[in-house]
Amino acid sequence: RDMPFMLSRGCPFQCTFCSSPQMWTTKYNFRDLDDVMKEIKYYIKRYDITALQMYDLTAIIKKQWAMEFCQRMIDEGIKLKWSLPDGTRSEALDKEVLIMMKKSNINYLVYAPESGSQRTLKKIKKRVKLERLTKSVIESKRQGLTTRTTCIIGFPHETWFDIFATILFQVKMAFRGVDDLPLYIFSPYPGTEIFNELMEEG
């Protein structure tokens, strides 16, 4: 019995394929942890839930907040499984954080590198370092988490080289033990920077 949940609102990044900056601006707010714990306990009591699925746009950005959230889950005796199915960034997910997340009962973690091509990452303003993300993914698998990396191919500017770089990245992730490696076909969402550029170009 999974309950969808949100720990934050918004995203401070400005990826060109995402409509979040137009919907929420780039303001990013964490929820108060007392409020989070209160809501989780309510769902346990009211619906007897067994798991939480965190559907934040960008769930884990600050290491300290992630550590505090996990510690509160442990201290409050909340033994629910929880997951990040929507995809998150890797900057704050070092070994210390991943160990704490494992202790607090996370069982599914999705990374969203979006591309294996540095050229594409620069074009779409996806501020991610693939080497750092890879280290985090390896540590996630070392901690026994079911792990996924999501990528997109077919951005308007991409060459076959960019596409093969992304496919190769996912192949490398497979050899690292990643459990799920989808390749999505790019689709321009109304309200995004890329969509507006394509409309201007006819």
N, C-alpha and C. Protein backbone atom coordinates (compact mmCIF):
# COMPACT_ATOMS: atom_id res chain seq x y z
N ARG A 1 0.86 -1.19 0.00
CA ARG A 1 0.00 0.00 0.00
C ARG A 1 0.89 1.24 0.00
N ASP A 2 1.20 1.70 -1.19
CA ASP A 2 2.10 2.85 -1.36
C ASP A 2 1.31 4.16 -1.31
N MET A 3 1.89 5.16 -0.65
CA MET A 3 1.29 6.48 -0.60
C MET A 3 2.19 7.47 -1.33
N PRO A 4 1.68 8.16 -2.37
CA PRO A 4 2.47 9.22 -3.00
C PRO A 4 2.69 10.36 -2.02
N PHE A 5 3.86 10.97 -2.07
CA PHE A 5 4.22 11.95 -1.05
C PHE A 5 5.18 12.97 -1.66
N MET A 6 5.23 14.17 -1.05
CA MET A 6 6.19 15.19 -1.49
C MET A 6 6.87 15.81 -0.28
N LEU A 7 8.19 15.93 -0.39
CA LEU A 7 9.01 16.52 0.67
C LEU A 7 9.36 17.97 0.37
N SER A 8 9.17 18.38 -0.87
CA SER A 8 9.59 19.71 -1.30
C SER A 8 8.74 20.18 -2.47
N ARG A 9 8.93 21.44 -2.83
CA ARG A 9 8.25 21.96 -4.01
C ARG A 9 9.25 22.76 -4.84
N GLY A 10 9.14 22.59 -6.16
CA GLY A 10 9.97 23.36 -7.07
C GLY A 10 11.31 22.71 -7.35
N CYS A 11 12.12 23.41 -8.15
CA CYS A 11 13.45 22.94 -8.52
C CYS A 11 14.29 24.18 -8.86
N PRO A 12 15.50 24.28 -8.33
CA PRO A 12 16.32 25.47 -8.58
C PRO A 12 17.04 25.46 -9.93
N PHE A 13 16.91 24.38 -10.70
CA PHE A 13 17.62 24.26 -11.96
C PHE A 13 16.75 24.70 -13.13
N GLN A 14 17.36 24.88 -14.30
CA GLN A 14 16.65 25.44 -15.45
C GLN A 14 16.88 24.61 -16.71
N CYS A 15 16.69 23.31 -16.62
CA CYS A 15 16.86 22.44 -17.79
C CYS A 15 15.90 22.89 -18.89
N THR A 16 16.40 22.94 -20.12
CA THR A 16 15.61 23.52 -21.22
C THR A 16 14.44 22.65 -21.65
N PHE A 17 14.44 21.36 -21.29
CA PHE A 17 13.37 20.45 -21.71
C PHE A 17 12.28 20.31 -20.65
N CYS A 18 12.45 21.01 -19.52
CA CYS A 18 11.53 20.86 -18.39
C CYS A 18 10.68 22.11 -18.22
N SER A 19 9.40 21.91 -17.90
CA SER A 19 8.48 23.04 -17.75
C SER A 19 8.40 23.56 -16.32
N SER A 20 9.16 22.95 -15.41
CA SER A 20 9.11 23.38 -14.00
C SER A 20 9.41 24.86 -13.79
N PRO A 21 10.44 25.43 -14.45
CA PRO A 21 10.71 26.86 -14.20
C PRO A 21 9.53 27.76 -14.54
N GLN A 22 8.73 27.37 -15.56
CA GLN A 22 7.56 28.16 -15.93
C GLN A 22 6.40 27.95 -14.96
N MET A 23 6.32 26.74 -14.39
CA MET A 23 5.21 26.45 -13.47
C MET A 23 5.47 26.97 -12.07
N TRP A 24 6.68 26.72 -11.57
CA TRP A 24 6.98 26.99 -10.16
C TRP A 24 8.04 28.07 -9.96
N THR A 25 8.56 28.66 -11.04
CA THR A 25 9.78 29.47 -11.04
C THR A 25 10.92 28.55 -10.58
N THR A 26 12.04 29.11 -10.18
CA THR A 26 13.14 28.27 -9.72
C THR A 26 13.28 28.32 -8.20
N LYS A 27 12.22 28.76 -7.54
CA LYS A 27 12.23 28.75 -6.08
C LYS A 27 12.08 27.31 -5.59
N TYR A 28 12.84 26.95 -4.58
CA TYR A 28 12.84 25.58 -4.06
C TYR A 28 12.60 25.62 -2.56
N ASN A 29 11.58 24.91 -2.12
CA ASN A 29 11.23 24.91 -0.70
C ASN A 29 11.21 23.50 -0.12
N PHE A 30 11.93 23.30 0.98
CA PHE A 30 11.82 22.07 1.74
C PHE A 30 10.65 22.20 2.71
N ARG A 31 9.98 21.10 2.96
CA ARG A 31 8.93 21.10 3.99
C ARG A 31 9.55 21.00 5.37
N ASP A 32 8.84 21.51 6.36
CA ASP A 32 9.26 21.37 7.74
C ASP A 32 9.18 19.90 8.14
N LEU A 33 10.23 19.39 8.76
CA LEU A 33 10.27 17.96 9.06
C LEU A 33 9.22 17.53 10.08
N ASP A 34 8.86 18.42 11.01
CA ASP A 34 7.78 18.08 11.96
C ASP A 34 6.48 17.85 11.21
N ASP A 35 6.22 18.69 10.22
CA ASP A 35 5.01 18.56 9.41
C ASP A 35 5.05 17.28 8.58
N VAL A 36 6.21 16.96 8.03
CA VAL A 36 6.38 15.73 7.24
C VAL A 36 6.08 14.50 8.09
N MET A 37 6.67 14.45 9.29
CA MET A 37 6.47 13.29 10.17
C MET A 37 5.01 13.16 10.60
N LYS A 38 4.38 14.29 10.85
CA LYS A 38 2.98 14.29 11.26
C LYS A 38 2.10 13.71 10.16
N GLU A 39 2.37 14.11 8.91
CA GLU A 39 1.56 13.62 7.79
C GLU A 39 1.79 12.13 7.56
N ILE A 40 3.04 11.70 7.63
CA ILE A 40 3.34 10.28 7.44
C ILE A 40 2.63 9.43 8.49
N LYS A 41 2.68 9.85 9.73
CA LYS A 41 2.04 9.10 10.82
C LYS A 41 0.52 9.05 10.63
N TYR A 42 -0.03 10.14 10.09
CA TYR A 42 -1.48 10.15 9.82
C TYR A 42 -1.84 9.08 8.80
N TYR A 43 -1.04 8.96 7.73
CA TYR A 43 -1.32 7.96 6.69
C TYR A 43 -1.15 6.53 7.22
N ILE A 44 -0.19 6.36 8.11
CA ILE A 44 -0.02 5.04 8.73
C ILE A 44 -1.25 4.67 9.53
N LYS A 45 -1.72 5.62 10.32
CA LYS A 45 -2.89 5.37 11.18
C LYS A 45 -4.18 5.25 10.37
N ARG A 46 -4.36 6.13 9.38
CA ARG A 46 -5.62 6.18 8.63
C ARG A 46 -5.71 5.09 7.58
N TYR A 47 -4.60 4.81 6.87
CA TYR A 47 -4.65 3.89 5.73
C TYR A 47 -3.77 2.65 5.88
N ASP A 48 -3.05 2.56 6.99
CA ASP A 48 -2.16 1.42 7.22
C ASP A 48 -1.21 1.22 6.05
N ILE A 49 -0.59 2.33 5.61
CA ILE A 49 0.31 2.26 4.45
C ILE A 49 1.57 1.46 4.79
N THR A 50 2.20 0.93 3.75
CA THR A 50 3.43 0.15 3.94
C THR A 50 4.62 0.80 3.26
N ALA A 51 4.37 1.83 2.42
CA ALA A 51 5.48 2.44 1.69
C ALA A 51 5.13 3.87 1.27
N LEU A 52 6.17 4.67 1.02
CA LEU A 52 6.03 6.03 0.54
C LEU A 52 6.78 6.18 -0.79
N GLN A 53 6.13 6.82 -1.76
CA GLN A 53 6.79 7.13 -3.03
C GLN A 53 6.93 8.65 -3.12
N MET A 54 8.16 9.14 -3.12
CA MET A 54 8.43 10.57 -3.11
C MET A 54 8.43 11.11 -4.54
N TYR A 55 7.45 11.95 -4.87
CA TYR A 55 7.31 12.46 -6.23
C TYR A 55 7.76 13.91 -6.38
N ASP A 56 8.77 14.30 -5.62
CA ASP A 56 9.34 15.63 -5.75
C ASP A 56 9.98 15.82 -7.13
N LEU A 57 9.98 17.06 -7.60
CA LEU A 57 10.65 17.36 -8.86
C LEU A 57 12.14 17.08 -8.73
N THR A 58 12.72 17.51 -7.61
CA THR A 58 14.13 17.26 -7.30
C THR A 58 14.21 17.02 -5.80
N ALA A 59 14.20 15.77 -5.42
CA ALA A 59 14.00 15.44 -4.01
C ALA A 59 15.20 15.74 -3.12
N ILE A 60 16.38 15.32 -3.53
CA ILE A 60 17.55 15.43 -2.66
C ILE A 60 18.55 16.40 -3.26
N ILE A 61 18.65 17.59 -2.66
CA ILE A 61 19.62 18.59 -3.10
C ILE A 61 20.62 18.90 -2.00
N LYS A 62 20.14 19.02 -0.76
CA LYS A 62 21.01 19.36 0.36
C LYS A 62 21.30 18.13 1.22
N LYS A 63 22.57 17.87 1.43
CA LYS A 63 22.99 16.71 2.20
C LYS A 63 22.45 16.76 3.63
N GLN A 64 22.57 17.91 4.27
CA GLN A 64 22.15 18.03 5.67
C GLN A 64 20.67 17.70 5.83
N TRP A 65 19.83 18.23 4.92
CA TRP A 65 18.40 17.97 5.02
C TRP A 65 18.11 16.48 4.82
N ALA A 66 18.79 15.86 3.88
CA ALA A 66 18.59 14.42 3.63
C ALA A 66 18.97 13.60 4.85
N MET A 67 20.09 13.96 5.48
CA MET A 67 20.53 13.25 6.68
C MET A 67 19.52 13.42 7.82
N GLU A 68 19.02 14.64 7.97
CA GLU A 68 18.05 14.91 9.03
C GLU A 68 16.74 14.17 8.79
N PHE A 69 16.29 14.13 7.54
CA PHE A 69 15.06 13.40 7.22
C PHE A 69 15.20 11.92 7.56
N CYS A 70 16.30 11.31 7.12
CA CYS A 70 16.53 9.89 7.39
C CYS A 70 16.62 9.62 8.89
N GLN A 71 17.31 10.50 9.62
CA GLN A 71 17.44 10.31 11.06
C GLN A 71 16.09 10.41 11.75
N ARG A 72 15.26 11.33 11.30
CA ARG A 72 13.92 11.46 11.89
C ARG A 72 13.08 10.22 11.62
N MET A 73 13.17 9.67 10.42
CA MET A 73 12.45 8.44 10.11
C MET A 73 12.84 7.33 11.08
N ILE A 74 14.14 7.24 11.37
CA ILE A 74 14.64 6.22 12.29
C ILE A 74 14.20 6.53 13.72
N ASP A 75 14.40 7.78 14.16
CA ASP A 75 14.07 8.16 15.55
C ASP A 75 12.58 8.04 15.85
N GLU A 76 11.75 8.32 14.83
CA GLU A 76 10.30 8.26 15.04
C GLU A 76 9.77 6.83 14.93
N GLY A 77 10.66 5.89 14.62
CA GLY A 77 10.24 4.49 14.53
C GLY A 77 9.38 4.21 13.30
N ILE A 78 9.54 5.01 12.24
CA ILE A 78 8.76 4.81 11.02
C ILE A 78 9.49 3.79 10.14
N LYS A 79 8.93 2.62 10.03
CA LYS A 79 9.60 1.52 9.35
C LYS A 79 9.09 1.27 7.93
N LEU A 80 8.49 2.28 7.34
CA LEU A 80 7.98 2.16 5.98
C LEU A 80 9.13 2.07 4.98
N LYS A 81 8.92 1.31 3.91
CA LYS A 81 9.82 1.41 2.77
C LYS A 81 9.52 2.73 2.07
N TRP A 82 10.54 3.34 1.48
CA TRP A 82 10.30 4.56 0.71
C TRP A 82 11.19 4.57 -0.52
N SER A 83 10.78 5.35 -1.52
CA SER A 83 11.48 5.33 -2.80
C SER A 83 11.46 6.72 -3.43
N LEU A 84 12.38 6.90 -4.40
CA LEU A 84 12.44 8.13 -5.19
C LEU A 84 12.24 7.74 -6.66
N PRO A 85 11.00 7.47 -7.07
CA PRO A 85 10.74 6.95 -8.42
C PRO A 85 10.81 8.00 -9.52
N ASP A 86 10.80 9.28 -9.19
CA ASP A 86 10.76 10.33 -10.20
C ASP A 86 12.13 10.74 -10.71
N GLY A 87 13.16 10.36 -10.03
CA GLY A 87 14.50 10.75 -10.45
C GLY A 87 15.02 11.90 -9.61
N THR A 88 16.30 11.83 -9.24
CA THR A 88 16.89 12.90 -8.45
C THR A 88 18.31 13.13 -8.91
N ARG A 89 18.94 14.13 -8.31
CA ARG A 89 20.32 14.46 -8.64
C ARG A 89 21.26 13.68 -7.72
N SER A 90 22.55 13.73 -8.04
CA SER A 90 23.52 12.90 -7.32
C SER A 90 24.45 13.69 -6.41
N GLU A 91 24.44 15.03 -6.52
CA GLU A 91 25.44 15.83 -5.81
C GLU A 91 25.47 15.56 -4.31
N ALA A 92 24.29 15.40 -3.70
CA ALA A 92 24.24 15.20 -2.25
C ALA A 92 24.28 13.73 -1.85
N LEU A 93 24.23 12.85 -2.83
CA LEU A 93 24.13 11.42 -2.53
C LEU A 93 25.51 10.76 -2.50
N ASP A 94 26.28 11.11 -1.48
CA ASP A 94 27.57 10.45 -1.29
C ASP A 94 27.39 9.21 -0.43
N LYS A 95 28.48 8.56 -0.08
CA LYS A 95 28.42 7.30 0.67
C LYS A 95 27.69 7.47 2.00
N GLU A 96 28.00 8.55 2.71
CA GLU A 96 27.38 8.79 4.02
C GLU A 96 25.87 8.91 3.92
N VAL A 97 25.41 9.67 2.95
CA VAL A 97 23.97 9.86 2.78
C VAL A 97 23.29 8.56 2.36
N LEU A 98 23.89 7.84 1.43
CA LEU A 98 23.30 6.59 0.94
C LEU A 98 23.22 5.54 2.05
N ILE A 99 24.22 5.49 2.90
CA ILE A 99 24.17 4.57 4.05
C ILE A 99 23.01 4.93 4.96
N MET A 100 22.85 6.23 5.22
CA MET A 100 21.76 6.68 6.09
C MET A 100 20.40 6.41 5.43
N MET A 101 20.31 6.62 4.12
CA MET A 101 19.06 6.34 3.42
C MET A 101 18.71 4.86 3.51
N LYS A 102 19.71 4.02 3.38
CA LYS A 102 19.49 2.57 3.50
C LYS A 102 18.98 2.22 4.90
N LYS A 103 19.57 2.83 5.92
CA LYS A 103 19.15 2.58 7.30
C LYS A 103 17.71 3.00 7.53
N SER A 104 17.29 4.06 6.83
CA SER A 104 15.92 4.55 7.01
C SER A 104 14.92 3.84 6.10
N ASN A 105 15.41 2.81 5.37
CA ASN A 105 14.53 1.87 4.65
C ASN A 105 14.17 2.28 3.23
N ILE A 106 15.00 3.10 2.57
CA ILE A 106 14.76 3.34 1.15
C ILE A 106 15.06 2.04 0.39
N ASN A 107 14.29 1.76 -0.65
CA ASN A 107 14.52 0.52 -1.40
C ASN A 107 14.59 0.72 -2.91
N TYR A 108 14.34 1.95 -3.39
CA TYR A 108 14.34 2.19 -4.83
C TYR A 108 14.78 3.61 -5.10
N LEU A 109 15.80 3.78 -5.93
CA LEU A 109 16.38 5.09 -6.16
C LEU A 109 16.60 5.31 -7.65
N VAL A 110 16.08 6.43 -8.16
CA VAL A 110 16.20 6.75 -9.58
C VAL A 110 17.07 7.99 -9.77
N TYR A 111 18.09 7.86 -10.60
CA TYR A 111 18.93 8.99 -10.99
C TYR A 111 18.47 9.47 -12.36
N ALA A 112 18.64 10.78 -12.61
CA ALA A 112 18.20 11.33 -13.89
C ALA A 112 19.33 12.10 -14.57
N PRO A 113 20.33 11.37 -15.10
CA PRO A 113 21.41 12.07 -15.81
C PRO A 113 20.94 12.69 -17.12
N GLU A 114 19.91 12.13 -17.74
CA GLU A 114 19.27 12.57 -18.98
C GLU A 114 20.07 12.27 -20.24
N SER A 115 21.41 12.36 -20.16
CA SER A 115 22.22 12.10 -21.35
C SER A 115 23.61 11.63 -20.96
N GLY A 116 24.23 10.86 -21.87
CA GLY A 116 25.61 10.46 -21.67
C GLY A 116 26.56 11.30 -22.49
N SER A 117 26.03 12.32 -23.16
CA SER A 117 26.82 13.22 -23.99
C SER A 117 27.02 14.55 -23.28
N GLN A 118 28.29 14.92 -23.04
CA GLN A 118 28.56 16.20 -22.40
C GLN A 118 28.08 17.36 -23.26
N ARG A 119 28.13 17.21 -24.57
CA ARG A 119 27.64 18.24 -25.47
C ARG A 119 26.14 18.47 -25.28
N THR A 120 25.40 17.37 -25.19
CA THR A 120 23.96 17.48 -24.98
C THR A 120 23.66 18.08 -23.61
N LEU A 121 24.36 17.63 -22.59
CA LEU A 121 24.13 18.14 -21.23
C LEU A 121 24.31 19.66 -21.18
N LYS A 122 25.32 20.15 -21.89
CA LYS A 122 25.56 21.59 -21.93
C LYS A 122 24.44 22.30 -22.67
N LYS A 123 23.99 21.71 -23.79
CA LYS A 123 22.92 22.32 -24.59
C LYS A 123 21.60 22.42 -23.82
N ILE A 124 21.27 21.38 -23.04
CA ILE A 124 19.99 21.35 -22.34
C ILE A 124 20.09 21.95 -20.94
N LYS A 125 21.28 22.48 -20.61
CA LYS A 125 21.52 23.13 -19.32
C LYS A 125 21.31 22.19 -18.14
N LYS A 126 21.65 20.92 -18.37
CA LYS A 126 21.57 19.92 -17.30
C LYS A 126 22.91 19.92 -16.58
N ARG A 127 22.95 20.59 -15.45
CA ARG A 127 24.21 20.73 -14.72
C ARG A 127 24.50 19.48 -13.90
N VAL A 128 25.04 18.48 -14.58
CA VAL A 128 25.37 17.22 -13.92
C VAL A 128 26.74 16.76 -14.40
N LYS A 129 27.53 16.25 -13.47
CA LYS A 129 28.83 15.69 -13.80
C LYS A 129 28.70 14.17 -13.80
N LEU A 130 28.86 13.58 -14.98
CA LEU A 130 28.61 12.15 -15.14
C LEU A 130 29.55 11.30 -14.30
N GLU A 131 30.77 11.74 -14.11
CA GLU A 131 31.72 10.97 -13.29
C GLU A 131 31.25 10.91 -11.85
N ARG A 132 30.80 12.03 -11.34
CA ARG A 132 30.31 12.08 -9.96
C ARG A 132 29.03 11.27 -9.81
N LEU A 133 28.14 11.39 -10.79
CA LEU A 133 26.90 10.62 -10.75
C LEU A 133 27.19 9.12 -10.77
N THR A 134 28.14 8.71 -11.60
CA THR A 134 28.49 7.29 -11.69
C THR A 134 28.98 6.76 -10.35
N LYS A 135 29.80 7.54 -9.66
CA LYS A 135 30.29 7.12 -8.34
C LYS A 135 29.13 6.93 -7.35
N SER A 136 28.16 7.83 -7.42
CA SER A 136 26.99 7.73 -6.55
C SER A 136 26.16 6.49 -6.89
N VAL A 137 25.99 6.22 -8.18
CA VAL A 137 25.25 5.04 -8.62
C VAL A 137 25.93 3.76 -8.13
N ILE A 138 27.24 3.70 -8.25
CA ILE A 138 28.00 2.52 -7.80
C ILE A 138 27.81 2.32 -6.30
N GLU A 139 27.84 3.41 -5.55
CA GLU A 139 27.65 3.31 -4.09
C GLU A 139 26.23 2.88 -3.76
N SER A 140 25.27 3.37 -4.54
CA SER A 140 23.88 2.96 -4.34
C SER A 140 23.73 1.45 -4.48
N LYS A 141 24.35 0.89 -5.51
CA LYS A 141 24.30 -0.55 -5.72
C LYS A 141 25.05 -1.29 -4.62
N ARG A 142 26.14 -0.70 -4.15
CA ARG A 142 26.92 -1.30 -3.06
C ARG A 142 26.07 -1.40 -1.78
N GLN A 143 25.16 -0.44 -1.61
CA GLN A 143 24.28 -0.45 -0.44
C GLN A 143 23.06 -1.36 -0.64
N GLY A 144 22.97 -1.97 -1.81
CA GLY A 144 21.89 -2.93 -2.05
C GLY A 144 20.58 -2.32 -2.50
N LEU A 145 20.62 -1.09 -3.02
CA LEU A 145 19.38 -0.45 -3.45
C LEU A 145 19.05 -0.82 -4.90
N THR A 146 17.77 -1.01 -5.18
CA THR A 146 17.33 -1.15 -6.56
C THR A 146 17.50 0.23 -7.20
N THR A 147 18.27 0.28 -8.28
CA THR A 147 18.70 1.57 -8.84
C THR A 147 18.36 1.66 -10.32
N ARG A 148 17.99 2.89 -10.72
CA ARG A 148 17.60 3.14 -12.10
C ARG A 148 18.27 4.41 -12.59
N THR A 149 18.68 4.44 -13.85
CA THR A 149 19.17 5.68 -14.47
C THR A 149 18.33 5.95 -15.71
N THR A 150 17.78 7.15 -15.82
CA THR A 150 16.92 7.49 -16.94
C THR A 150 17.63 8.45 -17.90
N CYS A 151 17.52 8.18 -19.19
CA CYS A 151 18.14 9.03 -20.20
C CYS A 151 17.15 9.30 -21.33
N ILE A 152 17.43 10.37 -22.06
CA ILE A 152 16.60 10.79 -23.19
C ILE A 152 17.48 10.87 -24.43
N ILE A 153 16.98 10.41 -25.56
CA ILE A 153 17.69 10.57 -26.83
C ILE A 153 16.77 11.29 -27.83
N GLY A 154 17.39 11.98 -28.77
CA GLY A 154 16.61 12.63 -29.82
C GLY A 154 16.35 14.10 -29.59
N PHE A 155 17.15 14.77 -28.74
CA PHE A 155 17.02 16.23 -28.62
C PHE A 155 17.27 16.86 -29.99
N PRO A 156 16.65 18.01 -30.30
CA PRO A 156 16.72 18.58 -31.64
C PRO A 156 18.13 18.77 -32.19
N HIS A 157 19.08 19.11 -31.34
CA HIS A 157 20.44 19.40 -31.80
C HIS A 157 21.30 18.15 -31.93
N GLU A 158 20.82 17.00 -31.45
CA GLU A 158 21.71 15.84 -31.29
C GLU A 158 22.16 15.23 -32.61
N THR A 159 23.40 14.76 -32.59
CA THR A 159 23.95 13.99 -33.70
C THR A 159 23.91 12.52 -33.30
N TRP A 160 24.24 11.65 -34.26
CA TRP A 160 24.32 10.22 -33.92
C TRP A 160 25.40 9.98 -32.86
N PHE A 161 26.44 10.79 -32.88
CA PHE A 161 27.49 10.66 -31.87
C PHE A 161 26.93 10.87 -30.47
N ASP A 162 26.09 11.90 -30.30
CA ASP A 162 25.48 12.17 -29.00
C ASP A 162 24.57 11.02 -28.56
N ILE A 163 23.80 10.50 -29.50
CA ILE A 163 22.89 9.40 -29.18
C ILE A 163 23.67 8.15 -28.78
N PHE A 164 24.71 7.83 -29.53
CA PHE A 164 25.53 6.65 -29.19
C PHE A 164 26.23 6.83 -27.85
N ALA A 165 26.63 8.07 -27.53
CA ALA A 165 27.26 8.35 -26.24
C ALA A 165 26.30 8.05 -25.09
N THR A 166 25.03 8.39 -25.28
CA THR A 166 24.02 8.12 -24.25
C THR A 166 23.74 6.62 -24.13
N ILE A 167 23.64 5.94 -25.26
CA ILE A 167 23.42 4.49 -25.24
C ILE A 167 24.61 3.80 -24.56
N LEU A 168 25.82 4.25 -24.89
CA LEU A 168 27.02 3.68 -24.28
C LEU A 168 27.04 3.91 -22.78
N PHE A 169 26.62 5.10 -22.35
CA PHE A 169 26.55 5.40 -20.92
C PHE A 169 25.63 4.42 -20.20
N GLN A 170 24.46 4.15 -20.78
CA GLN A 170 23.53 3.21 -20.17
C GLN A 170 24.09 1.78 -20.17
N VAL A 171 24.81 1.42 -21.21
CA VAL A 171 25.44 0.10 -21.24
C VAL A 171 26.46 -0.02 -20.10
N LYS A 172 27.23 1.05 -19.90
CA LYS A 172 28.20 1.05 -18.79
C LYS A 172 27.49 0.94 -17.45
N MET A 173 26.36 1.62 -17.31
CA MET A 173 25.58 1.52 -16.07
C MET A 173 25.08 0.09 -15.84
N ALA A 174 24.70 -0.57 -16.94
CA ALA A 174 24.26 -1.97 -16.83
C ALA A 174 25.37 -2.85 -16.28
N PHE A 175 26.59 -2.63 -16.77
CA PHE A 175 27.74 -3.39 -16.27
C PHE A 175 28.06 -3.05 -14.82
N ARG A 176 27.63 -1.87 -14.37
CA ARG A 176 27.81 -1.48 -12.97
C ARG A 176 26.74 -2.08 -12.07
N GLY A 177 25.76 -2.76 -12.68
CA GLY A 177 24.73 -3.42 -11.89
C GLY A 177 23.42 -2.69 -11.77
N VAL A 178 23.27 -1.58 -12.51
CA VAL A 178 22.01 -0.84 -12.46
C VAL A 178 20.87 -1.72 -12.95
N ASP A 179 19.74 -1.66 -12.23
CA ASP A 179 18.63 -2.59 -12.48
C ASP A 179 17.73 -2.20 -13.63
N ASP A 180 17.58 -0.89 -13.87
CA ASP A 180 16.62 -0.42 -14.87
C ASP A 180 17.24 0.75 -15.62
N LEU A 181 17.24 0.68 -16.96
CA LEU A 181 17.97 1.67 -17.76
C LEU A 181 17.15 2.15 -18.95
N PRO A 182 16.03 2.83 -18.72
CA PRO A 182 15.20 3.25 -19.85
C PRO A 182 15.85 4.34 -20.69
N LEU A 183 15.57 4.30 -21.99
CA LEU A 183 15.94 5.35 -22.93
C LEU A 183 14.66 5.94 -23.49
N TYR A 184 14.33 7.15 -23.11
CA TYR A 184 13.11 7.78 -23.58
C TYR A 184 13.39 8.60 -24.84
N ILE A 185 12.39 8.70 -25.70
CA ILE A 185 12.50 9.54 -26.89
C ILE A 185 12.06 10.95 -26.53
N PHE A 186 12.87 11.93 -26.87
CA PHE A 186 12.56 13.32 -26.54
C PHE A 186 11.21 13.75 -27.08
N SER A 187 10.47 14.45 -26.24
CA SER A 187 9.20 15.05 -26.65
C SER A 187 9.17 16.48 -26.13
N PRO A 188 8.92 17.47 -26.99
CA PRO A 188 8.92 18.87 -26.55
C PRO A 188 7.64 19.22 -25.80
N TYR A 189 7.78 19.58 -24.53
CA TYR A 189 6.61 19.95 -23.72
C TYR A 189 6.31 21.44 -23.89
N PRO A 190 5.04 21.81 -24.11
CA PRO A 190 4.68 23.22 -24.17
C PRO A 190 5.12 23.95 -22.90
N GLY A 191 5.66 25.14 -23.08
CA GLY A 191 6.11 25.92 -21.93
C GLY A 191 7.59 25.77 -21.64
N THR A 192 8.25 24.84 -22.33
CA THR A 192 9.68 24.66 -22.11
C THR A 192 10.48 25.54 -23.06
N GLU A 193 11.74 25.75 -22.70
CA GLU A 193 12.62 26.57 -23.54
C GLU A 193 12.80 25.94 -24.93
N ILE A 194 12.98 24.62 -24.96
CA ILE A 194 13.17 23.94 -26.25
C ILE A 194 11.91 24.06 -27.11
N PHE A 195 10.74 23.90 -26.51
CA PHE A 195 9.48 24.00 -27.26
C PHE A 195 9.37 25.37 -27.92
N ASN A 196 9.67 26.41 -27.15
CA ASN A 196 9.57 27.78 -27.68
C ASN A 196 10.56 27.99 -28.83
N GLU A 197 11.76 27.45 -28.69
CA GLU A 197 12.76 27.58 -29.75
C GLU A 197 12.28 26.89 -31.04
N LEU A 198 11.70 25.69 -30.88
CA LEU A 198 11.21 24.94 -32.05
C LEU A 198 10.06 25.68 -32.72
N MET A 199 9.18 26.30 -31.92
CA MET A 199 8.08 27.05 -32.49
C MET A 199 8.59 28.26 -33.29
N GLU A 200 9.62 28.93 -32.75
CA GLU A 200 10.19 30.09 -33.44
C GLU A 200 10.83 29.69 -34.75
N GLU A 201 11.35 28.46 -34.79
CA GLU A 201 12.01 27.96 -35.99
C GLU A 201 11.01 27.37 -37.00
N GLY A 202 9.78 27.35 -36.59
CA GLY A 202 8.73 26.86 -37.49
C GLY A 202 8.54 25.37 -37.46
